[in-house]
């Protein structure tokens, strides 16, 4: 189970990329969204994917923390994958929207406006996942506003 949790938590070991693993995890999330959207997933499907990633990611991140012996280890990027999927729910399936969503999510994930930073204090994998859920919701709202304005 520890190996399965590590594979999930690191998104197929992509979290071990030596440079900017969180950005790599976000790119994996964007790819997953594009795959789901091109496969015909609607808003309900996108929400189901994000919710599944949240729950499974919290379990896997908790196990990965124990296995790696540290809190919120850098290689754990399932939170970025989930946050990116949240950001892109119902977004237009275009390159400009995808790039805007990607950069918005990365910005909110780095800055962590309240309550995102406070959510990091939650126990185990939930703390890892919930701050990125908040960043994803912020990025989703900002992206939706930009799409509406433009």
Foldseek 3Di string as FASTA:
>chain_A
DLVVLLCLQLVNQCLVPPPDSLLSLLVVLLVVLLVCVVVPDALVNLVVVLVVLLVSNQVSQLSPCVVVVHQLDSSRRSLSSSLLSLQCRVNDSDPVLSVQLSVQLVVCLVVQDPPLVVLLPDPTSRSNNRSSVVSSVVNNVVSVVVVVVD
